[in-house]
Amino acid sequence: MNLTNLPLEPRQVVEVDWCDRWIVYHRLQELDIPCSCETHQPLQAELSGPTAMIQLWSVTKQYSSSRQELIDWLKGCWNLNKR
């Protein structure tokens, strides 16, 4: 998911694999991000600001990236903190 070109509008369609959308939906609910996920419909989230966008990015990254990509990303974060 590319959030850099995502305009801040009240409701956004979130492209998530159908098998992961309920997990993402429940996690967004836990983060108090208003969202809806109806049967045979895409997940929609209400992004009220930059924090909600970052949280959405983080949650979707967990399910759209491979385990190795997540490991490499985390190692890169640790390397930046060591500098």
PDB file of N, CA and C in Angstrom:
ATOM      1  N   MET A   1       0.842  -1.174   0.000  1.00  0.00           N
ATOM      2  CA  MET A   1       0.000   0.000   0.000  1.00  0.00           C
ATOM      3  C   MET A   1       0.886   1.235   0.000  1.00  0.00           C
ATOM      4  N   ASN A   2       0.619   2.163  -0.881  1.00  0.00           N
ATOM      5  CA  ASN A   2       1.392   3.390  -0.978  1.00  0.00           C
ATOM      6  C   ASN A   2       0.589   4.522  -0.363  1.00  0.00           C
ATOM      7  N   LEU A   3       0.992   4.996   0.824  1.00  0.00           N
ATOM      8  CA  LEU A   3       0.260   6.052   1.511  1.00  0.00           C
ATOM      9  C   LEU A   3       0.777   7.442   1.168  1.00  0.00           C
ATOM     10  N   THR A   4       1.870   7.540   0.420  1.00  0.00           N
ATOM     11  CA  THR A   4       2.424   8.859   0.128  1.00  0.00           C
ATOM     12  C   THR A   4       1.512   9.669  -0.773  1.00  0.00           C
ATOM     13  N   ASN A   5       0.748   9.016  -1.629  1.00  0.00           N
ATOM     14  CA  ASN A   5      -0.155   9.726  -2.538  1.00  0.00           C
ATOM     15  C   ASN A   5      -1.602   9.693  -2.070  1.00  0.00           C
ATOM     16  N   LEU A   6      -1.824   9.244  -0.842  1.00  0.00           N
ATOM     17  CA  LEU A   6      -3.167   9.077  -0.320  1.00  0.00           C
ATOM     18  C   LEU A   6      -3.691  10.412   0.190  1.00  0.00           C
ATOM     19  N   PRO A   7      -4.751  10.941  -0.437  1.00  0.00           N
ATOM     20  CA  PRO A   7      -5.305  12.202   0.062  1.00  0.00           C
ATOM     21  C   PRO A   7      -6.066  11.955   1.364  1.00  0.00           C
ATOM     22  N   LEU A   8      -6.099  12.969   2.214  1.00  0.00           N
ATOM     23  CA  LEU A   8      -6.844  12.847   3.458  1.00  0.00           C
ATOM     24  C   LEU A   8      -8.315  13.132   3.184  1.00  0.00           C
ATOM     25  N   GLU A   9      -9.072  12.107   3.008  1.00  0.00           N
ATOM     26  CA  GLU A   9     -10.512  12.210   2.835  1.00  0.00           C
ATOM     27  C   GLU A   9     -11.154  11.436   3.966  1.00  0.00           C
ATOM     28  N   PRO A  10     -12.410  11.720   4.251  1.00  0.00           N
ATOM     29  CA  PRO A  10     -13.039  11.051   5.386  1.00  0.00           C
ATOM     30  C   PRO A  10     -13.000   9.528   5.314  1.00  0.00           C
ATOM     31  N   ARG A  11     -13.279   8.920   4.185  1.00  0.00           N
ATOM     32  CA  ARG A  11     -13.287   7.462   4.080  1.00  0.00           C
ATOM     33  C   ARG A  11     -12.353   7.041   2.963  1.00  0.00           C
ATOM     34  N   GLN A  12     -11.564   6.022   3.244  1.00  0.00           N
ATOM     35  CA  GLN A  12     -10.629   5.491   2.262  1.00  0.00           C
ATOM     36  C   GLN A  12     -10.868   3.996   2.102  1.00  0.00           C
ATOM     37  N   VAL A  13     -10.846   3.534   0.871  1.00  0.00           N
ATOM     38  CA  VAL A  13     -10.886   2.100   0.617  1.00  0.00           C
ATOM     39  C   VAL A  13      -9.481   1.574   0.840  1.00  0.00           C
ATOM     40  N   VAL A  14      -9.371   0.525   1.628  1.00  0.00           N
ATOM     41  CA  VAL A  14      -8.078  -0.053   1.972  1.00  0.00           C
ATOM     42  C   VAL A  14      -7.937  -1.358   1.212  1.00  0.00           C
ATOM     43  N   GLU A  15      -6.918  -1.435   0.371  1.00  0.00           N
ATOM     44  CA  GLU A  15      -6.690  -2.642  -0.406  1.00  0.00           C
ATOM     45  C   GLU A  15      -5.919  -3.647   0.435  1.00  0.00           C
ATOM     46  N   VAL A  16      -6.635  -4.669   0.873  1.00  0.00           N
ATOM     47  CA  VAL A  16      -6.069  -5.731   1.699  1.00  0.00           C
ATOM     48  C   VAL A  16      -6.565  -7.044   1.121  1.00  0.00           C
ATOM     49  N   ASP A  17      -5.715  -8.068   1.147  1.00  0.00           N
ATOM     50  CA  ASP A  17      -6.160  -9.383   0.693  1.00  0.00           C
ATOM     51  C   ASP A  17      -7.420  -9.766   1.448  1.00  0.00           C
ATOM     52  N   TRP A  18      -8.328 -10.415   0.737  1.00  0.00           N
ATOM     53  CA  TRP A  18      -9.601 -10.792   1.335  1.00  0.00           C
ATOM     54  C   TRP A  18      -9.399 -11.662   2.569  1.00  0.00           C
ATOM     55  N   CYS A  19      -8.387 -12.511   2.564  1.00  0.00           N
ATOM     56  CA  CYS A  19      -8.170 -13.396   3.714  1.00  0.00           C
ATOM     57  C   CYS A  19      -7.667 -12.640   4.944  1.00  0.00           C
ATOM     58  N   ASP A  20      -7.106 -11.445   4.761  1.00  0.00           N
ATOM     59  CA  ASP A  20      -6.552 -10.679   5.878  1.00  0.00           C
ATOM     60  C   ASP A  20      -7.430  -9.511   6.318  1.00  0.00           C
ATOM     61  N   ARG A  21      -8.458  -9.202   5.564  1.00  0.00           N
ATOM     62  CA  ARG A  21      -9.178  -7.960   5.832  1.00  0.00           C
ATOM     63  C   ARG A  21      -9.892  -7.940   7.176  1.00  0.00           C
ATOM     64  N   TRP A  22     -10.396  -9.080   7.651  1.00  0.00           N
ATOM     65  CA  TRP A  22     -11.066  -9.088   8.958  1.00  0.00           C
ATOM     66  C   TRP A  22     -10.059  -8.887  10.084  1.00  0.00           C
ATOM     67  N   ILE A  23      -8.865  -9.442   9.937  1.00  0.00           N
ATOM     68  CA  ILE A  23      -7.820  -9.245  10.950  1.00  0.00           C
ATOM     69  C   ILE A  23      -7.418  -7.774  10.988  1.00  0.00           C
ATOM     70  N   VAL A  24      -7.224  -7.180   9.808  1.00  0.00           N
ATOM     71  CA  VAL A  24      -6.871  -5.758   9.720  1.00  0.00           C
ATOM     72  C   VAL A  24      -8.010  -4.906  10.295  1.00  0.00           C
ATOM     73  N   TYR A  25      -9.232  -5.255   9.943  1.00  0.00           N
ATOM     74  CA  TYR A  25     -10.408  -4.533  10.453  1.00  0.00           C
ATOM     75  C   TYR A  25     -10.412  -4.516  11.984  1.00  0.00           C
ATOM     76  N   HIS A  26     -10.229  -5.669  12.595  1.00  0.00           N
ATOM     77  CA  HIS A  26     -10.259  -5.742  14.059  1.00  0.00           C
ATOM     78  C   HIS A  26      -9.095  -4.979  14.682  1.00  0.00           C
ATOM     79  N   ARG A  27      -7.935  -5.015  14.061  1.00  0.00           N
ATOM     80  CA  ARG A  27      -6.790  -4.262  14.596  1.00  0.00           C
ATOM     81  C   ARG A  27      -7.037  -2.758  14.501  1.00  0.00           C
ATOM     82  N   LEU A  28      -7.619  -2.304  13.395  1.00  0.00           N
ATOM     83  CA  LEU A  28      -7.934  -0.878  13.265  1.00  0.00           C
ATOM     84  C   LEU A  28      -8.966  -0.462  14.314  1.00  0.00           C
ATOM     85  N   GLN A  29      -9.922  -1.340  14.590  1.00  0.00           N
ATOM     86  CA  GLN A  29     -10.903  -1.064  15.639  1.00  0.00           C
ATOM     87  C   GLN A  29     -10.202  -0.908  16.995  1.00  0.00           C
ATOM     88  N   GLU A  30      -9.234  -1.777  17.280  1.00  0.00           N
ATOM     89  CA  GLU A  30      -8.480  -1.683  18.533  1.00  0.00           C
ATOM     90  C   GLU A  30      -7.722  -0.364  18.640  1.00  0.00           C
ATOM     91  N   LEU A  31      -7.309   0.178  17.497  1.00  0.00           N
ATOM     92  CA  LEU A  31      -6.580   1.448  17.462  1.00  0.00           C
ATOM     93  C   LEU A  31      -7.520   2.652  17.410  1.00  0.00           C
ATOM     94  N   ASP A  32      -8.817   2.401  17.543  1.00  0.00           N
ATOM     95  CA  ASP A  32      -9.848   3.451  17.501  1.00  0.00           C
ATOM     96  C   ASP A  32      -9.889   4.195  16.174  1.00  0.00           C
ATOM     97  N   ILE A  33      -9.601   3.473  15.086  1.00  0.00           N
ATOM     98  CA  ILE A  33      -9.741   4.033  13.750  1.00  0.00           C
ATOM     99  C   ILE A  33     -11.085   3.540  13.213  1.00  0.00           C
ATOM    100  N   PRO A  34     -12.038   4.446  13.001  1.00  0.00           N
ATOM    101  CA  PRO A  34     -13.344   4.020  12.507  1.00  0.00           C
ATOM    102  C   PRO A  34     -13.207   3.353  11.138  1.00  0.00           C
ATOM    103  N   CYS A  35     -13.801   2.175  11.010  1.00  0.00           N
ATOM    104  CA  CYS A  35     -13.730   1.459   9.748  1.00  0.00           C
ATOM    105  C   CYS A  35     -14.937   0.546   9.606  1.00  0.00           C
ATOM    106  N   SER A  36     -15.167   0.090   8.383  1.00  0.00           N
ATOM    107  CA  SER A  36     -16.263  -0.836   8.119  1.00  0.00           C
ATOM    108  C   SER A  36     -15.764  -1.905   7.162  1.00  0.00           C
ATOM    109  N   CYS A  37     -16.326  -3.085   7.343  1.00  0.00           N
ATOM    110  CA  CYS A  37     -15.926  -4.224   6.524  1.00  0.00           C
ATOM    111  C   CYS A  37     -17.154  -5.097   6.327  1.00  0.00           C
ATOM    112  N   GLU A  38     -17.864  -4.838   5.241  1.00  0.00           N
ATOM    113  CA  GLU A  38     -19.086  -5.577   4.967  1.00  0.00           C
ATOM    114  C   GLU A  38     -18.786  -6.763   4.064  1.00  0.00           C
ATOM    115  N   THR A  39     -19.666  -7.734   4.093  1.00  0.00           N
ATOM    116  CA  THR A  39     -19.502  -8.941   3.295  1.00  0.00           C
ATOM    117  C   THR A  39     -19.368  -8.593   1.815  1.00  0.00           C
ATOM    118  N   HIS A  40     -18.346  -9.160   1.182  1.00  0.00           N
ATOM    119  CA  HIS A  40     -18.067  -8.976  -0.252  1.00  0.00           C
ATOM    120  C   HIS A  40     -17.809  -7.520  -0.635  1.00  0.00           C
ATOM    121  N   GLN A  41     -17.368  -6.712   0.327  1.00  0.00           N
ATOM    122  CA  GLN A  41     -17.033  -5.315   0.074  1.00  0.00           C
ATOM    123  C   GLN A  41     -15.624  -5.055   0.593  1.00  0.00           C
ATOM    124  N   PRO A  42     -14.923  -4.082   0.007  1.00  0.00           N
ATOM    125  CA  PRO A  42     -13.574  -3.774   0.510  1.00  0.00           C
ATOM    126  C   PRO A  42     -13.643  -3.112   1.884  1.00  0.00           C
ATOM    127  N   LEU A  43     -12.556  -3.223   2.591  1.00  0.00           N
ATOM    128  CA  LEU A  43     -12.420  -2.568   3.889  1.00  0.00           C
ATOM    129  C   LEU A  43     -12.337  -1.064   3.657  1.00  0.00           C
ATOM    130  N   GLN A  44     -13.049  -0.301   4.468  1.00  0.00           N
ATOM    131  CA  GLN A  44     -12.978   1.154   4.402  1.00  0.00           C
ATOM    132  C   GLN A  44     -12.592   1.678   5.771  1.00  0.00           C
ATOM    133  N   ALA A  45     -11.719   2.661   5.787  1.00  0.00           N
ATOM    134  CA  ALA A  45     -11.265   3.249   7.050  1.00  0.00           C
ATOM    135  C   ALA A  45     -11.400   4.763   6.981  1.00  0.00           C
ATOM    136  N   GLU A  46     -11.686   5.355   8.123  1.00  0.00           N
ATOM    137  CA  GLU A  46     -11.778   6.800   8.230  1.00  0.00           C
ATOM    138  C   GLU A  46     -10.468   7.308   8.811  1.00  0.00           C
ATOM    139  N   LEU A  47      -9.725   8.031   7.992  1.00  0.00           N
ATOM    140  CA  LEU A  47      -8.410   8.526   8.397  1.00  0.00           C
ATOM    141  C   LEU A  47      -8.530  10.000   8.759  1.00  0.00           C
ATOM    142  N   SER A  48      -8.412  10.281  10.048  1.00  0.00           N
ATOM    143  CA  SER A  48      -8.635  11.641  10.520  1.00  0.00           C
ATOM    144  C   SER A  48      -7.368  12.479  10.596  1.00  0.00           C
ATOM    145  N   GLY A  49      -6.228  11.880  10.307  1.00  0.00           N
ATOM    146  CA  GLY A  49      -4.989  12.650  10.368  1.00  0.00           C
ATOM    147  C   GLY A  49      -3.785  11.771  10.099  1.00  0.00           C
ATOM    148  N   PRO A  50      -2.594  12.362  10.188  1.00  0.00           N
ATOM    149  CA  PRO A  50      -1.364  11.628   9.891  1.00  0.00           C
ATOM    150  C   PRO A  50      -1.139  10.417  10.794  1.00  0.00           C
ATOM    151  N   THR A  51      -1.519  10.512  12.062  1.00  0.00           N
ATOM    152  CA  THR A  51      -1.318   9.378  12.966  1.00  0.00           C
ATOM    153  C   THR A  51      -2.124   8.175  12.511  1.00  0.00           C
ATOM    154  N   ALA A  52      -3.365   8.406  12.125  1.00  0.00           N
ATOM    155  CA  ALA A  52      -4.211   7.311  11.633  1.00  0.00           C
ATOM    156  C   ALA A  52      -3.636   6.721  10.349  1.00  0.00           C
ATOM    157  N   MET A  53      -3.067   7.568   9.493  1.00  0.00           N
ATOM    158  CA  MET A  53      -2.464   7.070   8.257  1.00  0.00           C
ATOM    159  C   MET A  53      -1.261   6.180   8.557  1.00  0.00           C
ATOM    160  N   ILE A  54      -0.430   6.587   9.503  1.00  0.00           N
ATOM    161  CA  ILE A  54       0.750   5.799   9.857  1.00  0.00           C
ATOM    162  C   ILE A  54       0.328   4.484  10.498  1.00  0.00           C
ATOM    163  N   GLN A  55      -0.676   4.535  11.361  1.00  0.00           N
ATOM    164  CA  GLN A  55      -1.158   3.309  11.983  1.00  0.00           C
ATOM    165  C   GLN A  55      -1.721   2.361  10.936  1.00  0.00           C
ATOM    166  N   LEU A  56      -2.478   2.889   9.981  1.00  0.00           N
ATOM    167  CA  LEU A  56      -3.017   2.069   8.900  1.00  0.00           C
ATOM    168  C   LEU A  56      -1.878   1.447   8.094  1.00  0.00           C
ATOM    169  N   TRP A  57      -0.878   2.243   7.763  1.00  0.00           N
ATOM    170  CA  TRP A  57       0.277   1.736   7.019  1.00  0.00           C
ATOM    171  C   TRP A  57       0.951   0.608   7.782  1.00  0.00           C
ATOM    172  N   SER A  58       1.163   0.805   9.082  1.00  0.00           N
ATOM    173  CA  SER A  58       1.839  -0.192   9.893  1.00  0.00           C
ATOM    174  C   SER A  58       1.050  -1.504   9.945  1.00  0.00           C
ATOM    175  N   VAL A  59      -0.248  -1.411  10.140  1.00  0.00           N
ATOM    176  CA  VAL A  59      -1.075  -2.611  10.226  1.00  0.00           C
ATOM    177  C   VAL A  59      -1.090  -3.350   8.891  1.00  0.00           C
ATOM    178  N   THR A  60      -1.266  -2.632   7.792  1.00  0.00           N
ATOM    179  CA  THR A  60      -1.324  -3.300   6.492  1.00  0.00           C
ATOM    180  C   THR A  60       0.033  -3.870   6.100  1.00  0.00           C
ATOM    181  N   LYS A  61       1.110  -3.214   6.519  1.00  0.00           N
ATOM    182  CA  LYS A  61       2.456  -3.721   6.207  1.00  0.00           C
ATOM    183  C   LYS A  61       2.680  -5.090   6.850  1.00  0.00           C
ATOM    184  N   GLN A  62       2.147  -5.273   8.041  1.00  0.00           N
ATOM    185  CA  GLN A  62       2.305  -6.554   8.736  1.00  0.00           C
ATOM    186  C   GLN A  62       1.724  -7.716   7.932  1.00  0.00           C
ATOM    187  N   TYR A  63       0.669  -7.434   7.184  1.00  0.00           N
ATOM    188  CA  TYR A  63      -0.019  -8.505   6.465  1.00  0.00           C
ATOM    189  C   TYR A  63       0.308  -8.543   4.973  1.00  0.00           C
ATOM    190  N   SER A  64       0.909  -7.496   4.452  1.00  0.00           N
ATOM    191  CA  SER A  64       1.216  -7.480   3.020  1.00  0.00           C
ATOM    192  C   SER A  64       2.676  -7.799   2.720  1.00  0.00           C
ATOM    193  N   SER A  65       3.512  -7.801   3.739  1.00  0.00           N
ATOM    194  CA  SER A  65       4.939  -8.063   3.549  1.00  0.00           C
ATOM    195  C   SER A  65       5.283  -9.482   3.990  1.00  0.00           C
ATOM    196  N   SER A  66       6.316  -9.998   3.376  1.00  0.00           N
ATOM    197  CA  SER A  66       6.787 -11.323   3.789  1.00  0.00           C
ATOM    198  C   SER A  66       7.527 -11.195   5.116  1.00  0.00           C
ATOM    199  N   ARG A  67       7.729 -12.310   5.755  1.00  0.00           N
ATOM    200  CA  ARG A  67       8.461 -12.326   7.021  1.00  0.00           C
ATOM    201  C   ARG A  67       9.863 -11.763   6.833  1.00  0.00           C
ATOM    202  N   GLN A  68      10.529 -12.138   5.750  1.00  0.00           N
ATOM    203  CA  GLN A  68      11.884 -11.655   5.505  1.00  0.00           C
ATOM    204  C   GLN A  68      11.903 -10.146   5.275  1.00  0.00           C
ATOM    205  N   GLU A  69      10.929  -9.612   4.562  1.00  0.00           N
ATOM    206  CA  GLU A  69      10.855  -8.160   4.358  1.00  0.00           C
ATOM    207  C   GLU A  69      10.705  -7.433   5.687  1.00  0.00           C
ATOM    208  N   LEU A  70       9.884  -7.974   6.578  1.00  0.00           N
ATOM    209  CA  LEU A  70       9.696  -7.352   7.884  1.00  0.00           C
ATOM    210  C   LEU A  70      10.975  -7.420   8.719  1.00  0.00           C
ATOM    211  N   ILE A  71      11.682  -8.535   8.645  1.00  0.00           N
ATOM    212  CA  ILE A  71      12.958  -8.679   9.359  1.00  0.00           C
ATOM    213  C   ILE A  71      13.968  -7.659   8.837  1.00  0.00           C
ATOM    214  N   ASP A  72      14.082  -7.551   7.514  1.00  0.00           N
ATOM    215  CA  ASP A  72      15.019  -6.594   6.912  1.00  0.00           C
ATOM    216  C   ASP A  72      14.664  -5.157   7.288  1.00  0.00           C
ATOM    217  N   TRP A  73      13.368  -4.836   7.299  1.00  0.00           N
ATOM    218  CA  TRP A  73      12.912  -3.495   7.652  1.00  0.00           C
ATOM    219  C   TRP A  73      13.279  -3.186   9.106  1.00  0.00           C
ATOM    220  N   LEU A  74      13.045  -4.149  10.004  1.00  0.00           N
ATOM    221  CA  LEU A  74      13.363  -3.956  11.411  1.00  0.00           C
ATOM    222  C   LEU A  74      14.867  -3.806  11.625  1.00  0.00           C
ATOM    223  N   LYS A  75      15.662  -4.610  10.927  1.00  0.00           N
ATOM    224  CA  LYS A  75      17.124  -4.477  11.028  1.00  0.00           C
ATOM    225  C   LYS A  75      17.572  -3.103  10.556  1.00  0.00           C
ATOM    226  N   GLY A  76      16.962  -2.613   9.481  1.00  0.00           N
ATOM    227  CA  GLY A  76      17.289  -1.279   8.988  1.00  0.00           C
ATOM    228  C   GLY A  76      16.976  -0.200  10.015  1.00  0.00           C
ATOM    229  N   CYS A  77      15.856  -0.353  10.719  1.00  0.00           N
ATOM    230  CA  CYS A  77      15.502   0.603  11.776  1.00  0.00           C
ATOM    231  C   CYS A  77      16.529   0.570  12.895  1.00  0.00           C
ATOM    232  N   TRP A  78      16.949  -0.611  13.302  1.00  0.00           N
ATOM    233  CA  TRP A  78      17.934  -0.737  14.358  1.00  0.00           C
ATOM    234  C   TRP A  78      19.271  -0.121  13.934  1.00  0.00           C
ATOM    235  N   ASN A  79      19.652  -0.340  12.676  1.00  0.00           N
ATOM    236  CA  ASN A  79      20.914   0.226  12.180  1.00  0.00           C
ATOM    237  C   ASN A  79      20.884   1.744  12.166  1.00  0.00           C
ATOM    238  N   LEU A  80      19.741   2.341  11.864  1.00  0.00           N
ATOM    239  CA  LEU A  80      19.633   3.799  11.875  1.00  0.00           C
ATOM    240  C   LEU A  80      19.760   4.338  13.287  1.00  0.00           C
ATOM    241  N   ASN A  81      19.249   3.596  14.258  1.00  0.00           N
ATOM    242  CA  ASN A  81      19.325   4.044  15.663  1.00  0.00           C
ATOM    243  C   ASN A  81      20.732   3.939  16.226  1.00  0.00           C
ATOM    244  N   LYS A  82      21.570   3.086  15.661  1.00  0.00           N
ATOM    245  CA  LYS A  82      22.935   2.908  16.153  1.00  0.00           C
ATOM    246  C   LYS A  82      23.865   4.040  15.711  1.00  0.00           C
ATOM    247  N   ARG A  83      23.473   4.769  14.700  1.00  0.00           N
ATOM    248  CA  ARG A  83      24.341   5.828  14.156  1.00  0.00           C
ATOM    249  C   ARG A  83      24.393   7.026  15.058  1.00  0.00           C
TER     250      ARG A  83
END
